[in-house]
Amino acid sequence: MEDVTSEAIKISGDDANHLSRSLRARRGDKITAVDNSGNSAVLELIEFDKASITARRVSDIKKISHTQRIVLADCLPKQNRFETIIEKATELGVDKIQPLISERTIARPSGQREKTRLERWNRIVKEAAEQCARDTIPDIGEIIGLDDWLKKISPINKQTLLLFCWESEQNTTVREVLSAYKNEVAVHNIIVLIGPEGGFSDREVFAIKSVGGVSASLGSRILKTDTAAISALAMINYELMN
């Protein structure tokens, strides 16, 4: 929703359809709405027509703030597995999802296909956020090459942990890395980097570590990329969000 700060608010498009058709909302119902600026408010639905719903704000405006920001940077998997990843990542509290293309990435959408994918992904995260009653909707970045993305985020500052899951890591687990950072007051941002089928190349591992990435193992088994992403985010929820 674009804005919840006005006294009278017009709800249209997909939001209106979702309320009237999927949720079967009626006049007098109250909903909690969030706008694109991170404002939250309770709205009372007062009038329905074919294309929109009129509502009025019946609560004070709350500004949503998070003390910790989580980014999932994921090299695109084959088929439609990325849709599952972004849906579950939304449920697990991710603030941004960054699709990447690495040396061994097989899926490489471009042009109109890329535009269509991004539009669909944004619909999926919006629906997932509504389903799990989140107060924010994750951002989805443009598809970008891993090397270019590393240039954009480097150097990693002291407030950010870049955690990349690497099947060749023998000494340190994700849980151990998270435990070490748990009491670090300076760390406000966590970036979880997941590789493609076939993993990162040696050159890419060197590049990730060069900008400050910390490698960690998800265990003795080789996990599919979608399983790896969900597992890492679940560990973050368990270790840091309680």
Protein backbone atom coordinates (compact mmCIF):
# COMPACT_ATOMS: atom_id res chain seq x y z
CA MET A 1 0.00 0.00 0.00
CA GLU A 2 1.38 3.43 -0.94
CA ASP A 3 0.33 5.48 2.11
CA VAL A 4 -1.50 4.87 5.41
CA THR A 5 -0.90 8.28 6.97
CA SER A 6 -4.01 10.01 5.59
CA GLU A 7 -7.33 10.03 7.42
CA ALA A 8 -9.17 8.65 4.36
CA ILE A 9 -7.47 5.98 2.27
CA LYS A 10 -8.39 4.43 -1.07
CA ILE A 11 -7.38 0.78 -1.52
CA SER A 12 -7.30 -0.47 -5.11
CA GLY A 13 -5.74 -3.05 -7.41
CA ASP A 14 -4.48 -6.35 -6.03
CA ASP A 15 -4.88 -5.20 -2.42
CA ALA A 16 -8.59 -4.51 -2.92
CA ASN A 17 -9.10 -7.80 -4.74
CA HIS A 18 -7.32 -9.71 -1.99
CA LEU A 19 -9.44 -8.12 0.72
CA SER A 20 -12.81 -8.49 -0.99
CA ARG A 21 -12.40 -11.82 -2.77
CA SER A 22 -9.80 -13.85 -0.86
CA LEU A 23 -10.44 -12.56 2.66
CA ARG A 24 -14.12 -11.73 2.08
CA ALA A 25 -13.76 -8.48 4.02
CA ARG A 26 -16.90 -6.49 4.75
CA ARG A 27 -17.85 -2.96 5.75
CA GLY A 28 -16.80 -2.29 9.33
CA ASP A 29 -13.92 -4.78 9.31
CA LYS A 30 -10.60 -3.52 10.64
CA ILE A 31 -7.22 -4.38 9.13
CA THR A 32 -3.62 -3.52 9.92
CA ALA A 33 -1.95 -2.00 6.87
CA VAL A 34 1.66 -1.11 6.07
CA ASP A 35 2.78 1.40 3.45
CA ASN A 36 5.91 1.67 1.32
CA SER A 37 7.54 4.06 3.80
CA GLY A 38 7.38 1.63 6.72
CA ASN A 39 4.34 3.18 8.41
CA SER A 40 1.73 0.94 10.03
CA ALA A 41 -1.86 1.77 11.04
CA VAL A 42 -5.24 0.16 11.70
CA LEU A 43 -7.84 0.92 9.03
CA GLU A 44 -11.60 0.49 9.12
CA LEU A 45 -13.20 -0.49 5.80
CA ILE A 46 -16.17 1.76 5.16
CA GLU A 47 -17.16 1.51 1.48
CA PHE A 48 -16.76 -1.05 -1.31
CA ASP A 49 -17.17 -0.65 -5.05
CA LYS A 50 -16.09 -2.72 -8.06
CA ALA A 51 -12.58 -1.32 -8.32
CA SER A 52 -11.63 -0.09 -4.85
CA ILE A 53 -12.30 0.04 -1.13
CA THR A 54 -12.50 3.22 0.92
CA ALA A 55 -11.07 3.05 4.44
CA ARG A 56 -10.40 5.42 7.31
CA ARG A 57 -7.50 5.35 9.70
CA VAL A 58 -8.63 4.55 13.25
CA SER A 59 -5.28 4.35 15.04
CA ASP A 60 -2.09 6.31 15.46
CA ILE A 61 0.64 5.82 12.89
CA LYS A 62 3.48 3.55 13.94
CA LYS A 63 6.87 3.69 12.32
CA ILE A 64 8.28 0.21 11.80
CA SER A 65 11.90 -0.13 12.86
CA HIS A 66 14.21 -3.12 12.88
CA THR A 67 17.40 -3.41 14.89
CA GLN A 68 18.77 -6.06 12.56
CA ARG A 69 18.50 -6.36 8.79
CA ILE A 70 18.82 -9.69 6.99
CA VAL A 71 19.66 -9.99 3.30
CA LEU A 72 19.53 -13.25 1.38
CA ALA A 73 21.85 -13.21 -1.63
CA ASP A 74 21.13 -16.34 -3.63
CA CYS A 75 22.58 -17.59 -6.90
CA LEU A 76 19.62 -18.51 -9.08
CA PRO A 77 18.77 -22.22 -9.05
CA LYS A 78 17.27 -24.27 -11.87
CA GLN A 79 13.56 -24.50 -12.64
CA ASN A 80 11.23 -22.68 -10.25
CA ARG A 81 13.09 -23.36 -7.02
CA PHE A 82 13.78 -19.67 -6.51
CA GLU A 83 10.05 -19.12 -6.01
CA THR A 84 10.10 -21.52 -3.06
CA ILE A 85 13.22 -19.84 -1.70
CA ILE A 86 11.76 -16.32 -1.73
CA GLU A 87 8.44 -17.48 -0.27
CA LYS A 88 10.11 -19.24 2.67
CA ALA A 89 12.68 -16.45 3.10
CA THR A 90 9.80 -13.98 3.48
CA GLU A 91 8.22 -16.17 6.15
CA LEU A 92 11.59 -16.38 7.93
CA GLY A 93 11.98 -12.60 8.17
CA VAL A 94 14.36 -11.62 5.38
CA ASP A 95 14.37 -7.89 4.56
CA LYS A 96 15.89 -8.12 1.07
CA ILE A 97 16.43 -10.86 -1.49
CA GLN A 98 19.23 -10.43 -3.99
CA PRO A 99 19.21 -12.79 -7.01
CA LEU A 100 22.70 -13.47 -8.33
CA ILE A 101 24.38 -15.10 -11.31
CA SER A 102 27.71 -16.82 -10.64
CA GLU A 103 30.07 -18.85 -12.83
CA ARG A 104 28.12 -22.08 -12.35
CA THR A 105 24.62 -20.61 -12.38
CA ILE A 106 22.48 -22.35 -14.98
CA ALA A 107 19.37 -20.14 -14.90
CA ARG A 108 20.19 -16.81 -16.57
CA PRO A 109 16.98 -14.90 -17.40
CA SER A 110 17.40 -11.67 -19.33
CA GLY A 111 15.32 -9.11 -21.21
CA GLN A 112 11.56 -9.64 -21.06
CA ARG A 113 12.02 -12.97 -19.30
CA GLU A 114 13.92 -11.25 -16.49
CA LYS A 115 11.24 -8.55 -16.19
CA THR A 116 8.49 -11.18 -16.02
CA ARG A 117 10.38 -13.14 -13.36
CA LEU A 118 10.92 -10.05 -11.20
CA GLU A 119 7.24 -9.13 -11.41
CA ARG A 120 6.22 -12.64 -10.40
CA TRP A 121 8.76 -12.77 -7.56
CA ASN A 122 7.46 -9.49 -6.17
CA ARG A 123 3.91 -10.86 -6.19
CA ILE A 124 5.07 -13.99 -4.38
CA VAL A 125 6.83 -12.12 -1.56
CA LYS A 126 3.87 -9.77 -1.16
CA GLU A 127 1.44 -12.70 -0.84
CA ALA A 128 3.80 -14.53 1.53
CA ALA A 129 4.13 -11.43 3.72
CA GLU A 130 0.36 -11.08 3.90
CA GLN A 131 -0.08 -14.77 4.70
CA CYS A 132 2.33 -14.71 7.64
CA ALA A 133 1.17 -11.27 8.87
CA ARG A 134 4.51 -9.52 8.38
CA ASP A 135 4.64 -5.77 8.85
CA THR A 136 7.07 -5.32 5.94
CA ILE A 137 7.49 -6.77 2.47
CA PRO A 138 11.02 -7.81 1.42
CA ASP A 139 12.71 -5.95 -1.41
CA ILE A 140 13.88 -7.97 -4.40
CA GLY A 141 16.97 -6.63 -6.12
CA GLU A 142 17.67 -6.69 -9.83
CA ILE A 143 19.44 -9.79 -11.11
CA ILE A 144 23.17 -9.10 -11.03
CA GLY A 145 26.43 -10.97 -11.49
CA LEU A 146 28.18 -12.15 -8.33
CA ASP A 147 31.38 -10.20 -9.11
CA ASP A 148 29.49 -6.95 -9.71
CA TRP A 149 27.48 -7.46 -6.52
CA LEU A 150 30.64 -8.00 -4.47
CA LYS A 151 31.99 -4.71 -5.81
CA LYS A 152 28.80 -2.94 -4.75
CA ILE A 153 28.87 -4.18 -1.15
CA SER A 154 32.62 -4.00 -0.52
CA PRO A 155 34.33 -3.29 1.68
CA ILE A 156 32.21 -5.01 4.34
CA ASN A 157 31.96 -2.71 7.37
CA LYS A 158 32.01 -3.71 11.01
CA GLN A 159 28.22 -3.50 11.21
CA THR A 160 27.74 -6.21 8.58
CA LEU A 161 28.34 -9.96 8.64
CA LEU A 162 28.68 -11.55 5.19
CA LEU A 163 28.09 -15.23 5.85
CA PHE A 164 28.52 -17.56 2.91
CA CYS A 165 27.61 -21.22 3.09
CA TRP A 166 30.39 -23.31 1.55
CA GLU A 167 30.40 -27.07 1.28
CA SER A 168 34.22 -27.22 1.50
CA GLU A 169 34.37 -25.45 4.87
CA GLN A 170 35.66 -28.03 7.36
CA ASN A 171 36.23 -26.13 10.58
CA THR A 172 33.39 -23.69 11.22
CA THR A 173 29.64 -24.19 11.21
CA VAL A 174 26.94 -21.58 10.60
CA ARG A 175 25.86 -21.93 14.21
CA GLU A 176 29.38 -21.22 15.46
CA VAL A 177 29.67 -18.10 13.32
CA LEU A 178 26.29 -16.83 14.50
CA SER A 179 27.12 -17.58 18.14
CA ALA A 180 30.35 -15.59 17.84
CA TYR A 181 28.46 -12.58 16.47
CA LYS A 182 25.44 -12.91 18.74
CA ASN A 183 26.72 -10.55 21.39
CA GLU A 184 28.41 -8.16 18.97
CA VAL A 185 26.42 -4.96 19.43
CA ALA A 186 28.01 -3.44 16.32
CA VAL A 187 26.58 -6.06 13.95
CA HIS A 188 23.24 -4.82 12.57
CA ASN A 189 23.22 -6.41 9.11
CA ILE A 190 23.54 -10.05 8.13
CA ILE A 191 24.02 -11.07 4.51
CA VAL A 192 23.54 -14.78 3.82
CA LEU A 193 25.17 -15.82 0.55
CA ILE A 194 24.10 -19.10 -1.06
CA GLY A 195 25.80 -20.63 -4.10
CA PRO A 196 24.29 -22.35 -7.15
CA GLU A 197 24.13 -26.01 -8.08
CA GLY A 198 27.77 -27.03 -8.30
CA GLY A 199 28.85 -24.49 -5.68
CA PHE A 200 31.21 -21.53 -5.93
CA SER A 201 34.39 -21.74 -7.98
CA ASP A 202 37.75 -21.38 -6.22
CA ARG A 203 38.12 -17.92 -7.74
CA GLU A 204 34.73 -16.86 -6.40
CA VAL A 205 35.51 -18.17 -2.92
CA PHE A 206 38.70 -16.10 -2.93
CA ALA A 207 36.78 -13.02 -4.11
CA ILE A 208 34.11 -13.44 -1.40
CA LYS A 209 36.71 -13.83 1.34
CA SER A 210 38.63 -10.85 -0.03
CA VAL A 211 35.72 -8.49 0.70
CA GLY A 212 35.27 -9.88 4.22
CA GLY A 213 33.04 -12.91 3.72
CA VAL A 214 33.05 -15.55 6.44
CA SER A 215 32.69 -19.15 5.24
CA ALA A 216 30.62 -21.66 7.19
CA SER A 217 29.34 -25.21 6.86
CA LEU A 218 25.71 -26.30 7.06
CA GLY A 219 26.77 -29.82 8.02
CA SER A 220 28.24 -32.95 6.54
CA ARG A 221 25.59 -33.39 3.83
CA ILE A 222 25.57 -31.58 0.49
CA LEU A 223 22.28 -29.67 0.45
CA LYS A 224 20.34 -28.42 -2.56
CA THR A 225 20.54 -24.65 -2.91
CA ASP A 226 16.93 -24.10 -1.81
CA THR A 227 17.38 -26.33 1.24
CA ALA A 228 20.63 -24.53 2.11
CA ALA A 229 18.98 -21.11 2.03
CA ILE A 230 16.05 -22.14 4.20
CA SER A 231 18.33 -23.98 6.66
CA ALA A 232 20.66 -20.99 7.09
CA LEU A 233 17.78 -18.58 7.65
CA ALA A 234 16.16 -20.93 10.16
CA MET A 235 19.44 -21.02 12.09
CA ILE A 236 19.54 -17.22 12.14
CA ASN A 237 16.00 -17.13 13.51
CA TYR A 238 16.91 -19.60 16.23
CA GLU A 239 20.25 -18.09 17.23
CA LEU A 240 19.68 -14.37 16.88
CA MET A 241 15.98 -13.58 16.84
CA ASN A 242 15.02 -15.03 20.22
